[in-house]
């Protein structure tokens, strides 16, 4: 892909990609009293499945998912990030839609993990 000097837009996509990763990590980290290995496995599974469905392992998979179940491409973080990179020069409406979707997902995940952690009670306090 030729990004034609769109460094600022690429940095914004990278920022939101990092933010969704941290938000998902906070969310999975706040899920109950599982062992650390189980939480790492959940995160690895989520990232590998979302990367596969976004077409990052098989080039035709994103088109197959788009034809079969298009809603998956609209909520899959890996698909949103890769789609934002693909439309960085052409379709700015799609670019901003992807960024807004990622931002909303980050806020929802962060707020959910905050409320899940907030409900825990500690004996020492």
N, C-alpha and C. Protein backbone atom coordinates (compact mmCIF):
# COMPACT_ATOMS: atom_id res chain seq x y z
N UNK A 1 0.83 -1.19 0.00
CA UNK A 1 0.00 0.00 0.00
C UNK A 1 0.87 1.24 0.00
N UNK A 2 0.45 2.23 -0.76
CA UNK A 2 1.13 3.50 -0.78
C UNK A 2 0.33 4.49 0.05
N UNK A 3 0.91 4.93 1.15
CA UNK A 3 0.18 5.82 2.05
C UNK A 3 0.37 7.29 1.70
N UNK A 4 1.23 7.61 0.76
CA UNK A 4 1.41 8.96 0.24
C UNK A 4 1.62 10.00 1.32
N UNK A 5 2.48 9.72 2.28
CA UNK A 5 2.82 10.69 3.30
C UNK A 5 1.74 10.96 4.32
N UNK A 6 0.88 9.99 4.59
CA UNK A 6 -0.21 10.15 5.56
C UNK A 6 0.25 9.70 6.95
N UNK A 7 1.38 10.20 7.41
CA UNK A 7 1.96 9.74 8.67
C UNK A 7 1.04 10.06 9.86
N UNK A 8 0.41 11.21 9.87
CA UNK A 8 -0.48 11.57 10.98
C UNK A 8 -1.66 10.62 11.10
N UNK A 9 -2.26 10.29 9.97
CA UNK A 9 -3.40 9.37 9.98
C UNK A 9 -2.97 7.97 10.39
N UNK A 10 -1.77 7.56 9.97
CA UNK A 10 -1.29 6.25 10.36
C UNK A 10 -1.01 6.20 11.86
N UNK A 11 -0.50 7.29 12.43
CA UNK A 11 -0.26 7.34 13.87
C UNK A 11 -1.56 7.30 14.67
N UNK A 12 -2.60 7.94 14.14
CA UNK A 12 -3.90 7.91 14.81
C UNK A 12 -4.45 6.49 14.83
N UNK A 13 -4.33 5.79 13.71
CA UNK A 13 -4.79 4.39 13.66
C UNK A 13 -3.98 3.54 14.64
N UNK A 14 -2.68 3.75 14.66
CA UNK A 14 -1.83 2.99 15.58
C UNK A 14 -2.18 3.29 17.04
N UNK A 15 -2.50 4.55 17.33
CA UNK A 15 -2.90 4.93 18.69
C UNK A 15 -4.18 4.20 19.10
N UNK A 16 -5.18 4.22 18.22
CA UNK A 16 -6.43 3.54 18.55
C UNK A 16 -6.26 2.02 18.61
N UNK A 17 -5.36 1.48 17.79
CA UNK A 17 -5.06 0.05 17.86
C UNK A 17 -4.44 -0.32 19.19
N UNK A 18 -3.51 0.51 19.66
CA UNK A 18 -2.91 0.28 20.98
C UNK A 18 -3.93 0.45 22.09
N UNK A 19 -4.79 1.45 21.95
CA UNK A 19 -5.80 1.71 22.97
C UNK A 19 -6.80 0.56 23.08
N UNK A 20 -7.20 -0.02 21.94
CA UNK A 20 -8.14 -1.14 22.00
C UNK A 20 -7.45 -2.36 22.62
N UNK A 21 -6.17 -2.54 22.35
CA UNK A 21 -5.44 -3.64 22.97
C UNK A 21 -5.35 -3.50 24.48
N UNK A 22 -5.07 -2.30 24.95
CA UNK A 22 -5.00 -2.06 26.39
C UNK A 22 -6.39 -2.22 27.02
N UNK A 23 -7.41 -1.72 26.35
CA UNK A 23 -8.77 -1.83 26.89
C UNK A 23 -9.22 -3.28 26.98
N UNK A 24 -8.91 -4.06 25.95
CA UNK A 24 -9.26 -5.48 25.99
C UNK A 24 -8.48 -6.20 27.09
N UNK A 25 -7.22 -5.82 27.27
CA UNK A 25 -6.42 -6.41 28.34
C UNK A 25 -6.97 -6.08 29.72
N UNK A 26 -7.41 -4.84 29.90
CA UNK A 26 -8.02 -4.46 31.19
C UNK A 26 -9.30 -5.25 31.42
N UNK A 27 -10.09 -5.41 30.36
CA UNK A 27 -11.36 -6.12 30.49
C UNK A 27 -11.13 -7.58 30.86
N UNK A 28 -10.25 -8.24 30.14
CA UNK A 28 -9.98 -9.66 30.43
C UNK A 28 -9.31 -9.79 31.80
N UNK A 29 -8.46 -8.83 32.17
CA UNK A 29 -7.83 -8.86 33.48
C UNK A 29 -8.81 -8.71 34.63
N UNK A 30 -9.92 -8.06 34.37
CA UNK A 30 -10.91 -7.85 35.43
C UNK A 30 -11.96 -8.95 35.49
N UNK A 31 -11.84 -9.96 34.64
CA UNK A 31 -12.79 -11.07 34.63
C UNK A 31 -12.50 -12.05 35.75
N UNK A 32 -13.18 -11.96 36.82
CA UNK A 32 -13.14 -12.98 37.86
C UNK A 32 -11.76 -13.31 38.40
N UNK A 33 -11.71 -14.44 39.06
CA UNK A 33 -10.48 -14.87 39.73
C UNK A 33 -9.86 -16.04 38.99
N UNK A 34 -9.56 -15.84 37.72
CA UNK A 34 -8.88 -16.86 36.94
C UNK A 34 -7.38 -16.73 37.15
N UNK A 35 -6.67 -17.77 36.79
CA UNK A 35 -5.22 -17.71 36.84
C UNK A 35 -4.71 -16.84 35.70
N UNK A 36 -3.50 -16.37 35.87
CA UNK A 36 -2.90 -15.49 34.86
C UNK A 36 -2.77 -16.19 33.51
N UNK A 37 -2.42 -17.46 33.53
CA UNK A 37 -2.27 -18.22 32.28
C UNK A 37 -3.57 -18.33 31.51
N UNK A 38 -4.68 -18.48 32.22
CA UNK A 38 -5.98 -18.55 31.56
C UNK A 38 -6.32 -17.22 30.90
N UNK A 39 -6.02 -16.13 31.57
CA UNK A 39 -6.30 -14.81 30.99
C UNK A 39 -5.43 -14.53 29.78
N UNK A 40 -4.18 -14.96 29.85
CA UNK A 40 -3.29 -14.81 28.69
C UNK A 40 -3.81 -15.64 27.52
N UNK A 41 -4.28 -16.86 27.81
CA UNK A 41 -4.85 -17.71 26.76
C UNK A 41 -6.08 -17.10 26.13
N UNK A 42 -6.94 -16.49 26.94
CA UNK A 42 -8.13 -15.84 26.42
C UNK A 42 -7.73 -14.69 25.49
N UNK A 43 -6.77 -13.87 25.90
CA UNK A 43 -6.34 -12.75 25.06
C UNK A 43 -5.70 -13.22 23.76
N UNK A 44 -4.87 -14.25 23.86
CA UNK A 44 -4.26 -14.79 22.64
C UNK A 44 -5.31 -15.36 21.70
N UNK A 45 -6.29 -16.08 22.26
CA UNK A 45 -7.36 -16.63 21.44
C UNK A 45 -8.18 -15.55 20.75
N UNK A 46 -8.52 -14.51 21.50
CA UNK A 46 -9.30 -13.41 20.91
C UNK A 46 -8.51 -12.73 19.80
N UNK A 47 -7.23 -12.45 20.05
CA UNK A 47 -6.45 -11.74 19.04
C UNK A 47 -6.20 -12.61 17.80
N UNK A 48 -5.98 -13.91 17.98
CA UNK A 48 -5.74 -14.77 16.82
C UNK A 48 -7.01 -14.97 15.99
N UNK A 49 -8.15 -15.16 16.66
CA UNK A 49 -9.41 -15.34 15.92
C UNK A 49 -9.79 -14.06 15.20
N UNK A 50 -9.62 -12.90 15.86
CA UNK A 50 -9.98 -11.65 15.19
C UNK A 50 -9.02 -11.35 14.04
N UNK A 51 -7.75 -11.69 14.19
CA UNK A 51 -6.81 -11.50 13.08
C UNK A 51 -7.13 -12.42 11.91
N UNK A 52 -7.50 -13.66 12.21
CA UNK A 52 -7.86 -14.59 11.15
C UNK A 52 -9.11 -14.10 10.40
N UNK A 53 -10.13 -13.67 11.14
CA UNK A 53 -11.36 -13.22 10.50
C UNK A 53 -11.16 -11.91 9.75
N UNK A 54 -10.14 -11.13 10.11
CA UNK A 54 -9.86 -9.88 9.41
C UNK A 54 -9.07 -10.10 8.13
N UNK A 55 -8.67 -11.34 7.87
CA UNK A 55 -7.95 -11.63 6.64
C UNK A 55 -6.45 -11.43 6.76
N UNK A 56 -5.92 -11.37 7.97
CA UNK A 56 -4.49 -11.16 8.15
C UNK A 56 -3.68 -12.45 8.03
N UNK A 57 -4.37 -13.61 8.02
CA UNK A 57 -3.68 -14.89 7.85
C UNK A 57 -4.04 -15.54 6.53
N UNK A 58 -5.20 -15.23 6.03
CA UNK A 58 -5.69 -15.76 4.76
C UNK A 58 -6.36 -14.61 4.02
N UNK A 59 -5.85 -14.25 2.88
CA UNK A 59 -6.31 -13.06 2.16
C UNK A 59 -7.78 -13.04 1.80
N UNK A 60 -8.37 -14.20 1.57
CA UNK A 60 -9.77 -14.24 1.15
C UNK A 60 -10.76 -14.25 2.31
N UNK A 61 -10.28 -14.42 3.52
CA UNK A 61 -11.18 -14.60 4.66
C UNK A 61 -12.02 -13.35 4.93
N UNK A 62 -11.45 -12.16 4.78
CA UNK A 62 -12.21 -10.94 5.04
C UNK A 62 -13.39 -10.82 4.08
N UNK A 63 -13.20 -11.19 2.81
CA UNK A 63 -14.29 -11.15 1.84
C UNK A 63 -15.35 -12.20 2.15
N UNK A 64 -14.92 -13.37 2.59
CA UNK A 64 -15.87 -14.43 2.96
C UNK A 64 -16.72 -13.99 4.14
N UNK A 65 -16.08 -13.40 5.14
CA UNK A 65 -16.82 -12.92 6.32
C UNK A 65 -17.76 -11.78 5.92
N UNK A 66 -17.31 -10.90 5.03
CA UNK A 66 -18.14 -9.77 4.58
C UNK A 66 -19.38 -10.25 3.85
N UNK A 67 -19.26 -11.31 3.08
CA UNK A 67 -20.42 -11.84 2.35
C UNK A 67 -21.35 -12.62 3.26
N UNK A 68 -20.79 -13.35 4.23
CA UNK A 68 -21.60 -14.22 5.09
C UNK A 68 -22.19 -13.47 6.28
N UNK A 69 -21.34 -12.83 7.07
CA UNK A 69 -21.78 -12.16 8.31
C UNK A 69 -21.07 -10.80 8.38
N UNK A 70 -21.58 -9.78 7.71
CA UNK A 70 -20.86 -8.50 7.66
C UNK A 70 -20.74 -7.78 9.00
N UNK A 71 -21.60 -8.09 9.95
CA UNK A 71 -21.52 -7.42 11.25
C UNK A 71 -20.22 -7.77 11.98
N UNK A 72 -19.65 -8.93 11.69
CA UNK A 72 -18.39 -9.33 12.32
C UNK A 72 -17.27 -8.37 11.92
N UNK A 73 -17.25 -7.96 10.66
CA UNK A 73 -16.23 -7.01 10.22
C UNK A 73 -16.44 -5.62 10.82
N UNK A 74 -17.63 -5.31 11.26
CA UNK A 74 -17.92 -3.98 11.84
C UNK A 74 -17.55 -3.88 13.31
N UNK A 75 -17.40 -5.05 13.99
CA UNK A 75 -17.06 -5.03 15.41
C UNK A 75 -15.72 -5.72 15.72
N UNK A 76 -15.07 -6.25 14.73
CA UNK A 76 -13.79 -6.92 14.90
C UNK A 76 -12.68 -5.87 14.92
N UNK A 77 -11.96 -5.72 16.04
CA UNK A 77 -10.93 -4.68 16.11
C UNK A 77 -9.84 -4.83 15.04
N UNK A 78 -9.39 -6.04 14.77
CA UNK A 78 -8.35 -6.23 13.76
C UNK A 78 -8.85 -5.84 12.38
N UNK A 79 -10.09 -6.14 12.09
CA UNK A 79 -10.68 -5.77 10.81
C UNK A 79 -10.83 -4.25 10.69
N UNK A 80 -11.21 -3.61 11.78
CA UNK A 80 -11.36 -2.15 11.77
C UNK A 80 -10.02 -1.46 11.55
N UNK A 81 -8.98 -1.97 12.19
CA UNK A 81 -7.66 -1.37 12.05
C UNK A 81 -7.13 -1.56 10.63
N UNK A 82 -7.22 -2.78 10.11
CA UNK A 82 -6.72 -3.02 8.76
C UNK A 82 -7.54 -2.27 7.72
N UNK A 83 -8.85 -2.17 7.92
CA UNK A 83 -9.70 -1.42 6.99
C UNK A 83 -9.37 0.06 7.02
N UNK A 84 -9.06 0.59 8.21
CA UNK A 84 -8.67 2.00 8.31
C UNK A 84 -7.39 2.26 7.53
N UNK A 85 -6.43 1.32 7.59
CA UNK A 85 -5.21 1.48 6.81
C UNK A 85 -5.49 1.40 5.31
N UNK A 86 -6.40 0.50 4.91
CA UNK A 86 -6.70 0.36 3.49
C UNK A 86 -7.38 1.60 2.91
N UNK A 87 -8.21 2.26 3.67
CA UNK A 87 -8.96 3.40 3.12
C UNK A 87 -8.38 4.74 3.54
N UNK A 88 -7.12 4.77 3.94
CA UNK A 88 -6.50 6.00 4.42
C UNK A 88 -6.40 7.07 3.33
N UNK A 89 -6.28 6.68 2.07
CA UNK A 89 -6.17 7.63 0.97
C UNK A 89 -7.46 7.85 0.21
N UNK A 90 -8.40 6.93 0.30
CA UNK A 90 -9.58 6.98 -0.57
C UNK A 90 -10.84 7.45 0.13
N UNK A 91 -11.29 6.68 1.10
CA UNK A 91 -12.62 6.86 1.68
C UNK A 91 -12.49 7.37 3.12
N UNK A 92 -12.56 8.68 3.29
CA UNK A 92 -12.38 9.24 4.63
C UNK A 92 -13.58 8.98 5.53
N UNK A 93 -14.75 8.81 4.97
CA UNK A 93 -15.93 8.50 5.78
C UNK A 93 -15.74 7.15 6.46
N UNK A 94 -15.28 6.16 5.70
CA UNK A 94 -15.03 4.83 6.25
C UNK A 94 -13.88 4.87 7.26
N UNK A 95 -12.87 5.68 6.98
CA UNK A 95 -11.74 5.84 7.90
C UNK A 95 -12.23 6.36 9.25
N UNK A 96 -13.01 7.42 9.25
CA UNK A 96 -13.52 7.98 10.51
C UNK A 96 -14.52 7.05 11.19
N UNK A 97 -15.32 6.32 10.40
CA UNK A 97 -16.25 5.36 11.00
C UNK A 97 -15.50 4.26 11.74
N UNK A 98 -14.40 3.79 11.16
CA UNK A 98 -13.59 2.78 11.82
C UNK A 98 -12.98 3.31 13.12
N UNK A 99 -12.48 4.55 13.08
CA UNK A 99 -11.88 5.14 14.27
C UNK A 99 -12.91 5.38 15.36
N UNK A 100 -14.09 5.84 14.97
CA UNK A 100 -15.15 6.08 15.96
C UNK A 100 -15.59 4.77 16.58
N UNK A 101 -15.72 3.73 15.77
CA UNK A 101 -16.10 2.42 16.30
C UNK A 101 -15.05 1.91 17.29
N UNK A 102 -13.78 2.05 16.95
CA UNK A 102 -12.71 1.64 17.87
C UNK A 102 -12.76 2.45 19.17
N UNK A 103 -13.01 3.76 19.06
CA UNK A 103 -13.08 4.60 20.25
C UNK A 103 -14.24 4.20 21.15
N UNK A 104 -15.39 3.92 20.55
CA UNK A 104 -16.56 3.51 21.33
C UNK A 104 -16.29 2.17 22.01
N UNK A 105 -15.67 1.24 21.29
CA UNK A 105 -15.34 -0.05 21.89
C UNK A 105 -14.37 0.12 23.05
N UNK A 106 -13.39 1.02 22.91
CA UNK A 106 -12.43 1.26 24.00
C UNK A 106 -13.14 1.81 25.23
N UNK A 107 -14.04 2.76 25.04
CA UNK A 107 -14.75 3.35 26.17
C UNK A 107 -15.63 2.31 26.85
N UNK A 108 -16.34 1.51 26.07
CA UNK A 108 -17.21 0.47 26.65
C UNK A 108 -16.40 -0.55 27.43
N UNK A 109 -15.29 -1.02 26.86
CA UNK A 109 -14.46 -2.00 27.56
C UNK A 109 -13.84 -1.42 28.82
N UNK A 110 -13.37 -0.18 28.75
CA UNK A 110 -12.74 0.43 29.92
C UNK A 110 -13.77 0.67 31.02
N UNK A 111 -14.94 1.17 30.67
CA UNK A 111 -15.98 1.40 31.68
C UNK A 111 -16.47 0.09 32.30
N UNK A 112 -16.63 -0.93 31.47
CA UNK A 112 -17.07 -2.23 31.98
C UNK A 112 -16.03 -2.81 32.94
N UNK A 113 -14.76 -2.74 32.57
CA UNK A 113 -13.74 -3.28 33.47
C UNK A 113 -13.65 -2.44 34.74
N UNK A 114 -13.86 -1.13 34.65
CA UNK A 114 -13.85 -0.29 35.85
C UNK A 114 -14.97 -0.71 36.80
N UNK A 115 -16.17 -0.92 36.28
CA UNK A 115 -17.28 -1.30 37.14
C UNK A 115 -17.12 -2.72 37.69
N UNK A 116 -16.46 -3.60 36.95
CA UNK A 116 -16.23 -4.95 37.44
C UNK A 116 -15.21 -4.96 38.57
N UNK A 117 -14.17 -4.15 38.46
CA UNK A 117 -13.14 -4.09 39.50
C UNK A 117 -13.65 -3.31 40.70
N UNK A 118 -14.46 -2.33 40.48
CA UNK A 118 -14.97 -1.47 41.55
C UNK A 118 -15.83 -2.25 42.53
N UNK A 119 -16.50 -3.30 42.09
CA UNK A 119 -17.42 -4.05 42.96
C UNK A 119 -16.72 -5.00 43.91
N UNK A 120 -15.42 -5.22 43.75
CA UNK A 120 -14.70 -6.12 44.62
C UNK A 120 -14.52 -5.47 45.98
N UNK A 121 -14.61 -6.27 47.02
CA UNK A 121 -14.42 -5.76 48.39
C UNK A 121 -13.17 -6.43 48.96
N UNK A 122 -12.46 -5.66 49.71
CA UNK A 122 -11.23 -6.15 50.30
C UNK A 122 -11.37 -6.17 51.81
N UNK A 123 -10.89 -7.23 52.45
CA UNK A 123 -11.00 -7.36 53.90
C UNK A 123 -10.07 -6.40 54.63
N UNK A 124 -8.94 -6.07 54.02
CA UNK A 124 -7.94 -5.27 54.70
C UNK A 124 -8.29 -3.78 54.75
N UNK A 125 -9.25 -3.36 53.98
CA UNK A 125 -9.58 -1.93 53.96
C UNK A 125 -10.71 -1.63 54.91
